[in-house]
All heavy atoms as atom14 arrays in JSON, in Angstrom:
{
  "sequence": "LRLRSPAAHRLLQLCSFFAARPISTTMIYSDEMVRLLMPYDKG",
  "atom14_mask": [
    [1, 1, 1, 1, 1, 1, 1, 1, 0, 0, 0, 0, 0, 0],
    [1, 1, 1, 1, 1, 1, 1, 1, 1, 1, 1, 0, 0, 0],
    [1, 1, 1, 1, 1, 1, 1, 1, 0, 0, 0, 0, 0, 0],
    [1, 1, 1, 1, 1, 1, 1, 1, 1, 1, 1, 0, 0, 0],
    [1, 1, 1, 1, 1, 1, 0, 0, 0, 0, 0, 0, 0, 0],
    [1, 1, 1, 1, 1, 1, 1, 0, 0, 0, 0, 0, 0, 0],
    [1, 1, 1, 1, 1, 0, 0, 0, 0, 0, 0, 0, 0, 0],
    [1, 1, 1, 1, 1, 0, 0, 0, 0, 0, 0, 0, 0, 0],
    [1, 1, 1, 1, 1, 1, 1, 1, 1, 1, 0, 0, 0, 0],
    [1, 1, 1, 1, 1, 1, 1, 1, 1, 1, 1, 0, 0, 0],
    [1, 1, 1, 1, 1, 1, 1, 1, 0, 0, 0, 0, 0, 0],
    [1, 1, 1, 1, 1, 1, 1, 1, 0, 0, 0, 0, 0, 0],
    [1, 1, 1, 1, 1, 1, 1, 1, 1, 0, 0, 0, 0, 0],
    [1, 1, 1, 1, 1, 1, 1, 1, 0, 0, 0, 0, 0, 0],
    [1, 1, 1, 1, 1, 1, 0, 0, 0, 0, 0, 0, 0, 0],
    [1, 1, 1, 1, 1, 1, 0, 0, 0, 0, 0, 0, 0, 0],
    [1, 1, 1, 1, 1, 1, 1, 1, 1, 1, 1, 0, 0, 0],
    [1, 1, 1, 1, 1, 1, 1, 1, 1, 1, 1, 0, 0, 0],
    [1, 1, 1, 1, 1, 0, 0, 0, 0, 0, 0, 0, 0, 0],
    [1, 1, 1, 1, 1, 0, 0, 0, 0, 0, 0, 0, 0, 0],
    [1, 1, 1, 1, 1, 1, 1, 1, 1, 1, 1, 0, 0, 0],
    [1, 1, 1, 1, 1, 1, 1, 0, 0, 0, 0, 0, 0, 0],
    [1, 1, 1, 1, 1, 1, 1, 1, 0, 0, 0, 0, 0, 0],
    [1, 1, 1, 1, 1, 1, 0, 0, 0, 0, 0, 0, 0, 0],
    [1, 1, 1, 1, 1, 1, 1, 0, 0, 0, 0, 0, 0, 0],
    [1, 1, 1, 1, 1, 1, 1, 0, 0, 0, 0, 0, 0, 0],
    [1, 1, 1, 1, 1, 1, 1, 1, 0, 0, 0, 0, 0, 0],
    [1, 1, 1, 1, 1, 1, 1, 1, 0, 0, 0, 0, 0, 0],
    [1, 1, 1, 1, 1, 1, 1, 1, 1, 1, 1, 1, 0, 0],
    [1, 1, 1, 1, 1, 1, 0, 0, 0, 0, 0, 0, 0, 0],
    [1, 1, 1, 1, 1, 1, 1, 1, 0, 0, 0, 0, 0, 0],
    [1, 1, 1, 1, 1, 1, 1, 1, 1, 0, 0, 0, 0, 0],
    [1, 1, 1, 1, 1, 1, 1, 1, 0, 0, 0, 0, 0, 0],
    [1, 1, 1, 1, 1, 1, 1, 0, 0, 0, 0, 0, 0, 0],
    [1, 1, 1, 1, 1, 1, 1, 1, 1, 1, 1, 0, 0, 0],
    [1, 1, 1, 1, 1, 1, 1, 1, 0, 0, 0, 0, 0, 0],
    [1, 1, 1, 1, 1, 1, 1, 1, 0, 0, 0, 0, 0, 0],
    [1, 1, 1, 1, 1, 1, 1, 1, 0, 0, 0, 0, 0, 0],
    [1, 1, 1, 1, 1, 1, 1, 0, 0, 0, 0, 0, 0, 0],
    [1, 1, 1, 1, 1, 1, 1, 1, 1, 1, 1, 1, 0, 0],
    [1, 1, 1, 1, 1, 1, 1, 1, 0, 0, 0, 0, 0, 0],
    [1, 1, 1, 1, 1, 1, 1, 1, 1, 0, 0, 0, 0, 0],
    [1, 1, 1, 1, 0, 0, 0, 0, 0, 0, 0, 0, 0, 0]
  ],
  "atom14_positions": [
    [[37.15, 38.45, 21.39], [36.16, 38.23, 22.44], [34.77, 38.1, 21.83], [33.99, 37.22, 22.21], [36.18, 39.37, 23.46], [35.17, 39.27, 24.59], [35.43, 38.03, 25.44], [35.22, 40.53, 25.45], [0.0, 0.0, 0.0], [0.0, 0.0, 0.0], [0.0, 0.0, 0.0], [0.0, 0.0, 0.0], [0.0, 0.0, 0.0], [0.0, 0.0, 0.0]],
    [[34.45, 38.96, 20.86], [33.14, 38.92, 20.21], [32.9, 37.57, 19.55], [31.81, 37.0, 19.61], [33.01, 40.04, 19.19], [31.61, 40.13, 18.6], [31.47, 41.22, 17.55], [32.19, 40.79, 16.36], [33.11, 41.5, 15.72], [33.46, 42.69, 16.16], [33.7, 41.04, 14.66], [0.0, 0.0, 0.0], [0.0, 0.0, 0.0], [0.0, 0.0, 0.0]],
    [[33.94, 37.0, 18.94], [33.81, 35.7, 18.28], [33.74, 34.56, 19.29], [32.97, 33.62, 19.11], [34.99, 35.48, 17.33], [35.05, 36.41, 16.13], [36.34, 36.19, 15.36], [33.85, 36.22, 15.22], [0.0, 0.0, 0.0], [0.0, 0.0, 0.0], [0.0, 0.0, 0.0], [0.0, 0.0, 0.0], [0.0, 0.0, 0.0], [0.0, 0.0, 0.0]],
    [[34.55, 34.64, 20.34], [34.63, 33.57, 21.33], [33.42, 33.55, 22.26], [32.91, 32.5, 22.62], [35.92, 33.72, 22.14], [36.2, 32.56, 23.06], [37.51, 32.71, 23.81], [37.43, 33.77, 24.79], [38.15, 34.89, 24.76], [39.0, 35.12, 23.79], [38.02, 35.79, 25.71], [0.0, 0.0, 0.0], [0.0, 0.0, 0.0], [0.0, 0.0, 0.0]],
    [[32.96, 34.74, 22.65], [31.86, 34.82, 23.6], [31.05, 36.1, 23.35], [31.34, 37.16, 23.93], [32.38, 34.82, 25.04], [31.3, 34.97, 25.94], [0.0, 0.0, 0.0], [0.0, 0.0, 0.0], [0.0, 0.0, 0.0], [0.0, 0.0, 0.0], [0.0, 0.0, 0.0], [0.0, 0.0, 0.0], [0.0, 0.0, 0.0], [0.0, 0.0, 0.0]],
    [[30.04, 36.01, 22.5], [29.22, 37.19, 22.22], [28.61, 37.81, 23.48], [28.48, 39.04, 23.57], [28.14, 36.67, 21.27], [28.76, 35.47, 20.62], [29.64, 34.86, 21.68], [0.0, 0.0, 0.0], [0.0, 0.0, 0.0], [0.0, 0.0, 0.0], [0.0, 0.0, 0.0], [0.0, 0.0, 0.0], [0.0, 0.0, 0.0], [0.0, 0.0, 0.0]],
    [[28.26, 37.0, 24.45], [27.68, 37.54, 25.69], [28.71, 38.34, 26.48], [28.4, 39.4, 27.01], [27.11, 36.41, 26.55], [0.0, 0.0, 0.0], [0.0, 0.0, 0.0], [0.0, 0.0, 0.0], [0.0, 0.0, 0.0], [0.0, 0.0, 0.0], [0.0, 0.0, 0.0], [0.0, 0.0, 0.0], [0.0, 0.0, 0.0], [0.0, 0.0, 0.0]],
    [[29.95, 37.85, 26.54], [31.0, 38.59, 27.24], [31.3, 39.9, 26.51], [31.53, 40.93, 27.14], [32.26, 37.74, 27.34], [0.0, 0.0, 0.0], [0.0, 0.0, 0.0], [0.0, 0.0, 0.0], [0.0, 0.0, 0.0], [0.0, 0.0, 0.0], [0.0, 0.0, 0.0], [0.0, 0.0, 0.0], [0.0, 0.0, 0.0], [0.0, 0.0, 0.0]],
    [[31.27, 39.85, 25.18], [31.48, 41.07, 24.39], [30.38, 42.09, 24.69], [30.65, 43.27, 24.89], [31.51, 40.72, 22.9], [31.69, 41.89, 22.01], [30.64, 42.44, 21.32], [32.78, 42.62, 21.71], [31.08, 43.48, 20.62], [32.38, 43.6, 20.84], [0.0, 0.0, 0.0], [0.0, 0.0, 0.0], [0.0, 0.0, 0.0], [0.0, 0.0, 0.0]],
    [[29.15, 41.64, 24.76], [28.03, 42.54, 25.06], [28.15, 43.1, 26.47], [27.88, 44.29, 26.71], [26.69, 41.82, 24.87], [25.5, 42.7, 25.1], [25.45, 43.83, 24.1], [24.3, 44.68, 24.34], [24.29, 45.98, 24.18], [25.34, 46.6, 23.72], [23.21, 46.68, 24.45], [0.0, 0.0, 0.0], [0.0, 0.0, 0.0], [0.0, 0.0, 0.0]],
    [[28.55, 42.27, 27.42], [28.75, 42.74, 28.79], [29.82, 43.83, 28.82], [29.65, 44.86, 29.5], [29.15, 41.58, 29.71], [29.43, 41.94, 31.16], [28.19, 42.5, 31.83], [29.94, 40.71, 31.9], [0.0, 0.0, 0.0], [0.0, 0.0, 0.0], [0.0, 0.0, 0.0], [0.0, 0.0, 0.0], [0.0, 0.0, 0.0], [0.0, 0.0, 0.0]],
    [[30.9, 43.65, 28.09], [31.94, 44.66, 28.02], [31.39, 45.96, 27.43], [31.68, 47.05, 27.93], [33.11, 44.15, 27.18], [34.31, 45.07, 27.06], [34.94, 45.33, 28.41], [35.33, 44.47, 26.11], [0.0, 0.0, 0.0], [0.0, 0.0, 0.0], [0.0, 0.0, 0.0], [0.0, 0.0, 0.0], [0.0, 0.0, 0.0], [0.0, 0.0, 0.0]],
    [[30.57, 45.85, 26.39], [29.95, 47.04, 25.81], [29.08, 47.77, 26.84], [29.14, 48.99, 26.96], [29.08, 46.67, 24.61], [29.85, 46.27, 23.39], [28.91, 45.86, 22.27], [27.9, 45.19, 22.5], [29.27, 46.25, 21.06], [0.0, 0.0, 0.0], [0.0, 0.0, 0.0], [0.0, 0.0, 0.0], [0.0, 0.0, 0.0], [0.0, 0.0, 0.0]],
    [[28.27, 47.01, 27.55], [27.38, 47.63, 28.55], [28.17, 48.29, 29.67], [27.85, 49.4, 30.09], [26.42, 46.57, 29.11], [25.4, 46.01, 28.13], [24.7, 44.8, 28.73], [24.41, 47.07, 27.71], [0.0, 0.0, 0.0], [0.0, 0.0, 0.0], [0.0, 0.0, 0.0], [0.0, 0.0, 0.0], [0.0, 0.0, 0.0], [0.0, 0.0, 0.0]],
    [[29.23, 47.62, 30.13], [30.02, 48.17, 31.23], [30.84, 49.38, 30.77], [31.11, 50.28, 31.57], [30.94, 47.1, 31.8], [30.05, 45.84, 32.73], [0.0, 0.0, 0.0], [0.0, 0.0, 0.0], [0.0, 0.0, 0.0], [0.0, 0.0, 0.0], [0.0, 0.0, 0.0], [0.0, 0.0, 0.0], [0.0, 0.0, 0.0], [0.0, 0.0, 0.0]],
    [[31.21, 49.42, 29.52], [32.0, 50.56, 29.03], [31.21, 51.86, 29.1], [31.8, 52.94, 29.15], [32.49, 50.3, 27.61], [31.43, 50.34, 26.68], [0.0, 0.0, 0.0], [0.0, 0.0, 0.0], [0.0, 0.0, 0.0], [0.0, 0.0, 0.0], [0.0, 0.0, 0.0], [0.0, 0.0, 0.0], [0.0, 0.0, 0.0], [0.0, 0.0, 0.0]],
    [[29.91, 51.76, 29.13], [29.07, 52.95, 29.27], [29.39, 53.71, 30.56], [29.31, 54.92, 30.62], [27.59, 52.55, 29.25], [26.65, 53.66, 29.55], [26.34, 54.61, 28.58], [26.09, 53.8, 30.8], [25.47, 55.66, 28.85], [25.22, 54.84, 31.1], [24.91, 55.77, 30.12], [0.0, 0.0, 0.0], [0.0, 0.0, 0.0], [0.0, 0.0, 0.0]],
    [[29.79, 52.96, 31.59], [30.07, 53.57, 32.89], [31.46, 54.19, 32.97], [31.78, 54.85, 33.95], [29.89, 52.54, 34.01], [28.46, 52.12, 34.17], [28.01, 50.96, 33.57], [27.57, 52.89, 34.87], [26.68, 50.57, 33.7], [26.25, 52.52, 35.01], [25.81, 51.36, 34.41], [0.0, 0.0, 0.0], [0.0, 0.0, 0.0], [0.0, 0.0, 0.0]],
    [[32.3, 53.95, 31.98], [33.66, 54.5, 31.93], [34.41, 54.15, 33.21], [34.46, 52.99, 33.58], [33.63, 55.98, 31.65], [0.0, 0.0, 0.0], [0.0, 0.0, 0.0], [0.0, 0.0, 0.0], [0.0, 0.0, 0.0], [0.0, 0.0, 0.0], [0.0, 0.0, 0.0], [0.0, 0.0, 0.0], [0.0, 0.0, 0.0], [0.0, 0.0, 0.0]],
    [[34.93, 55.14, 33.88], [35.76, 54.89, 35.07], [34.94, 54.82, 36.36], [35.5, 54.58, 37.43], [36.82, 55.97, 35.2], [0.0, 0.0, 0.0], [0.0, 0.0, 0.0], [0.0, 0.0, 0.0], [0.0, 0.0, 0.0], [0.0, 0.0, 0.0], [0.0, 0.0, 0.0], [0.0, 0.0, 0.0], [0.0, 0.0, 0.0], [0.0, 0.0, 0.0]],
    [[33.66, 55.01, 36.27], [32.83, 54.96, 37.48], [32.68, 53.51, 37.96], [32.68, 52.58, 37.15], [31.46, 55.56, 37.21], [31.55, 57.07, 36.93], [30.18, 57.62, 36.71], [29.54, 56.91, 35.59], [28.84, 57.5, 34.65], [28.64, 58.79, 34.68], [28.31, 56.81, 33.68], [0.0, 0.0, 0.0], [0.0, 0.0, 0.0], [0.0, 0.0, 0.0]],
    [[32.53, 53.31, 39.25], [32.33, 51.95, 39.77], [31.06, 51.31, 39.21], [30.07, 52.0, 38.98], [32.2, 52.17, 41.28], [32.8, 53.5, 41.55], [32.59, 54.31, 40.3], [0.0, 0.0, 0.0], [0.0, 0.0, 0.0], [0.0, 0.0, 0.0], [0.0, 0.0, 0.0], [0.0, 0.0, 0.0], [0.0, 0.0, 0.0], [0.0, 0.0, 0.0]],
    [[31.13, 50.01, 39.02], [29.97, 49.25, 38.53], [29.52, 48.31, 39.64], [30.31, 47.51, 40.13], [30.32, 48.46, 37.26], [30.8, 49.41, 36.17], [29.14, 47.63, 36.79], [31.4, 48.73, 34.96], [0.0, 0.0, 0.0], [0.0, 0.0, 0.0], [0.0, 0.0, 0.0], [0.0, 0.0, 0.0], [0.0, 0.0, 0.0], [0.0, 0.0, 0.0]],
    [[28.29, 48.41, 40.0], [27.74, 47.61, 41.09], [27.67, 46.13, 40.71], [27.16, 45.78, 39.65], [26.34, 48.13, 41.42], [25.64, 47.21, 42.2], [0.0, 0.0, 0.0], [0.0, 0.0, 0.0], [0.0, 0.0, 0.0], [0.0, 0.0, 0.0], [0.0, 0.0, 0.0], [0.0, 0.0, 0.0], [0.0, 0.0, 0.0], [0.0, 0.0, 0.0]],
    [[28.15, 45.27, 41.61], [28.0, 43.83, 41.36], [26.54, 43.42, 41.42], [26.14, 42.46, 40.78], [28.81, 42.99, 42.37], [28.45, 43.35, 43.69], [30.31, 43.2, 42.16], [0.0, 0.0, 0.0], [0.0, 0.0, 0.0], [0.0, 0.0, 0.0], [0.0, 0.0, 0.0], [0.0, 0.0, 0.0], [0.0, 0.0, 0.0], [0.0, 0.0, 0.0]],
    [[25.74, 44.18, 42.16], [24.3, 43.91, 42.19], [23.71, 44.05, 40.79], [22.89, 43.24, 40.37], [23.6, 44.86, 43.18], [24.17, 44.7, 44.46], [22.11, 44.59, 43.23], [0.0, 0.0, 0.0], [0.0, 0.0, 0.0], [0.0, 0.0, 0.0], [0.0, 0.0, 0.0], [0.0, 0.0, 0.0], [0.0, 0.0, 0.0], [0.0, 0.0, 0.0]],
    [[24.15, 45.07, 40.07], [23.68, 45.26, 38.71], [24.19, 44.14, 37.79], [23.45, 43.6, 36.99], [24.12, 46.61, 38.16], [23.58, 46.88, 36.77], [24.28, 48.34, 36.0], [25.89, 47.71, 35.54], [0.0, 0.0, 0.0], [0.0, 0.0, 0.0], [0.0, 0.0, 0.0], [0.0, 0.0, 0.0], [0.0, 0.0, 0.0], [0.0, 0.0, 0.0]],
    [[25.46, 43.8, 37.94], [26.07, 42.76, 37.09], [25.33, 41.43, 37.27], [25.07, 40.73, 36.3], [27.56, 42.59, 37.41], [28.34, 43.87, 37.08], [28.15, 41.38, 36.7], [28.46, 44.17, 35.61], [0.0, 0.0, 0.0], [0.0, 0.0, 0.0], [0.0, 0.0, 0.0], [0.0, 0.0, 0.0], [0.0, 0.0, 0.0], [0.0, 0.0, 0.0]],
    [[24.99, 41.08, 38.51], [24.35, 39.8, 38.79], [22.83, 39.88, 38.84], [22.17, 38.97, 39.34], [24.89, 39.21, 40.1], [26.26, 38.64, 39.95], [27.38, 39.36, 40.33], [26.45, 37.38, 39.39], [28.66, 38.84, 40.18], [27.72, 36.85, 39.23], [28.81, 37.59, 39.63], [30.07, 37.07, 39.47], [0.0, 0.0, 0.0], [0.0, 0.0, 0.0]],
    [[22.27, 40.93, 38.31], [20.81, 41.09, 38.36], [20.11, 40.2, 37.33], [20.71, 39.78, 36.33], [20.44, 42.56, 38.1], [20.72, 42.91, 36.76], [0.0, 0.0, 0.0], [0.0, 0.0, 0.0], [0.0, 0.0, 0.0], [0.0, 0.0, 0.0], [0.0, 0.0, 0.0], [0.0, 0.0, 0.0], [0.0, 0.0, 0.0], [0.0, 0.0, 0.0]],
    [[18.86, 39.93, 37.58], [18.05, 39.17, 36.63], [17.97, 39.9, 35.29], [17.96, 39.28, 34.24], [16.64, 38.95, 37.18], [16.62, 38.02, 38.37], [17.54, 37.17, 38.49], [15.69, 38.13, 39.19], [0.0, 0.0, 0.0], [0.0, 0.0, 0.0], [0.0, 0.0, 0.0], [0.0, 0.0, 0.0], [0.0, 0.0, 0.0], [0.0, 0.0, 0.0]],
    [[17.92, 41.22, 35.36], [17.85, 42.01, 34.12], [19.11, 41.83, 33.27], [19.02, 41.72, 32.04], [17.64, 43.49, 34.45], [17.48, 44.36, 33.22], [16.27, 43.99, 32.36], [15.27, 43.48, 32.88], [16.35, 44.22, 31.14], [0.0, 0.0, 0.0], [0.0, 0.0, 0.0], [0.0, 0.0, 0.0], [0.0, 0.0, 0.0], [0.0, 0.0, 0.0]],
    [[20.28, 41.77, 33.91], [21.52, 41.56, 33.15], [21.5, 40.18, 32.49], [21.89, 40.04, 31.33], [22.74, 41.69, 34.05], [24.05, 41.59, 33.31], [24.31, 42.89, 32.08], [24.71, 44.27, 33.13], [0.0, 0.0, 0.0], [0.0, 0.0, 0.0], [0.0, 0.0, 0.0], [0.0, 0.0, 0.0], [0.0, 0.0, 0.0], [0.0, 0.0, 0.0]],
    [[21.02, 39.19, 33.2], [20.9, 37.85, 32.61], [19.99, 37.92, 31.39], [20.31, 37.39, 30.33], [20.4, 36.82, 33.64], [20.1, 35.49, 32.97], [21.42, 36.64, 34.76], [0.0, 0.0, 0.0], [0.0, 0.0, 0.0], [0.0, 0.0, 0.0], [0.0, 0.0, 0.0], [0.0, 0.0, 0.0], [0.0, 0.0, 0.0], [0.0, 0.0, 0.0]],
    [[18.85, 38.6, 31.52], [17.93, 38.72, 30.39], [18.57, 39.48, 29.22], [18.35, 39.14, 28.06], [16.64, 39.43, 30.82], [15.68, 38.51, 31.54], [14.3, 39.15, 31.69], [14.31, 40.32, 32.55], [14.24, 40.29, 33.89], [14.17, 39.13, 34.5], [14.24, 41.4, 34.59], [0.0, 0.0, 0.0], [0.0, 0.0, 0.0], [0.0, 0.0, 0.0]],
    [[19.37, 40.5, 29.52], [20.03, 41.26, 28.45], [21.07, 40.43, 27.7], [21.28, 40.62, 26.51], [20.71, 42.5, 29.03], [19.81, 43.66, 29.44], [20.6, 44.7, 30.2], [19.16, 44.28, 28.21], [0.0, 0.0, 0.0], [0.0, 0.0, 0.0], [0.0, 0.0, 0.0], [0.0, 0.0, 0.0], [0.0, 0.0, 0.0], [0.0, 0.0, 0.0]],
    [[21.72, 39.52, 28.41], [22.79, 38.72, 27.79], [22.31, 37.41, 27.17], [23.01, 36.83, 26.34], [23.88, 38.44, 28.82], [24.6, 39.67, 29.37], [25.59, 39.27, 30.44], [25.26, 40.47, 28.27], [0.0, 0.0, 0.0], [0.0, 0.0, 0.0], [0.0, 0.0, 0.0], [0.0, 0.0, 0.0], [0.0, 0.0, 0.0], [0.0, 0.0, 0.0]],
    [[21.13, 36.94, 27.55], [20.62, 35.67, 27.04], [20.56, 35.59, 25.52], [20.91, 34.55, 24.96], [19.27, 35.32, 27.66], [19.43, 34.74, 29.05], [17.86, 34.36, 29.85], [17.21, 33.1, 28.79], [0.0, 0.0, 0.0], [0.0, 0.0, 0.0], [0.0, 0.0, 0.0], [0.0, 0.0, 0.0], [0.0, 0.0, 0.0], [0.0, 0.0, 0.0]],
    [[20.17, 36.65, 24.8], [20.16, 36.54, 23.33], [21.54, 36.29, 22.73], [21.65, 35.8, 21.62], [19.62, 37.9, 22.87], [18.86, 38.43, 24.03], [19.58, 37.91, 25.25], [0.0, 0.0, 0.0], [0.0, 0.0, 0.0], [0.0, 0.0, 0.0], [0.0, 0.0, 0.0], [0.0, 0.0, 0.0], [0.0, 0.0, 0.0], [0.0, 0.0, 0.0]],
    [[22.58, 36.59, 23.49], [23.95, 36.41, 23.0], [24.55, 35.07, 23.4], [25.61, 34.69, 22.92], [24.84, 37.55, 23.51], [24.35, 38.89, 23.04], [23.45, 39.64, 23.81], [24.76, 39.4, 21.83], [22.98, 40.85, 23.36], [24.29, 40.62, 21.37], [23.4, 41.34, 22.14], [22.93, 42.55, 21.7], [0.0, 0.0, 0.0], [0.0, 0.0, 0.0]],
    [[23.9, 34.38, 24.35], [24.4, 33.08, 24.81], [23.2, 32.26, 25.28], [22.69, 32.46, 26.38], [25.4, 33.27, 25.95], [26.04, 31.97, 26.41], [25.5, 30.88, 26.11], [27.08, 32.05, 27.08], [0.0, 0.0, 0.0], [0.0, 0.0, 0.0], [0.0, 0.0, 0.0], [0.0, 0.0, 0.0], [0.0, 0.0, 0.0], [0.0, 0.0, 0.0]],
    [[22.75, 31.36, 24.44], [21.54, 30.56, 24.75], [21.74, 29.66, 25.96], [20.77, 29.23, 26.57], [21.14, 29.71, 23.54], [20.81, 30.53, 22.31], [19.7, 31.5, 22.56], [19.4, 32.28, 21.29], [18.55, 33.4, 21.46], [0.0, 0.0, 0.0], [0.0, 0.0, 0.0], [0.0, 0.0, 0.0], [0.0, 0.0, 0.0], [0.0, 0.0, 0.0]],
    [[22.99, 29.38, 26.33], [23.27, 28.55, 27.5], [23.17, 29.31, 28.81], [23.21, 28.72, 29.88], [0.0, 0.0, 0.0], [0.0, 0.0, 0.0], [0.0, 0.0, 0.0], [0.0, 0.0, 0.0], [0.0, 0.0, 0.0], [0.0, 0.0, 0.0], [0.0, 0.0, 0.0], [0.0, 0.0, 0.0], [0.0, 0.0, 0.0], [0.0, 0.0, 0.0]]
  ]
}
């Protein structure tokens, strides 16, 4: 995954912080998440 999609790998790392707790889709689709992932995927 890290080789195929560095941004997806980073998203997995960020979400793993929450362990088994629910992750808000609002957080996933936030502008801040886009900004956090942009360095990993210029597109």
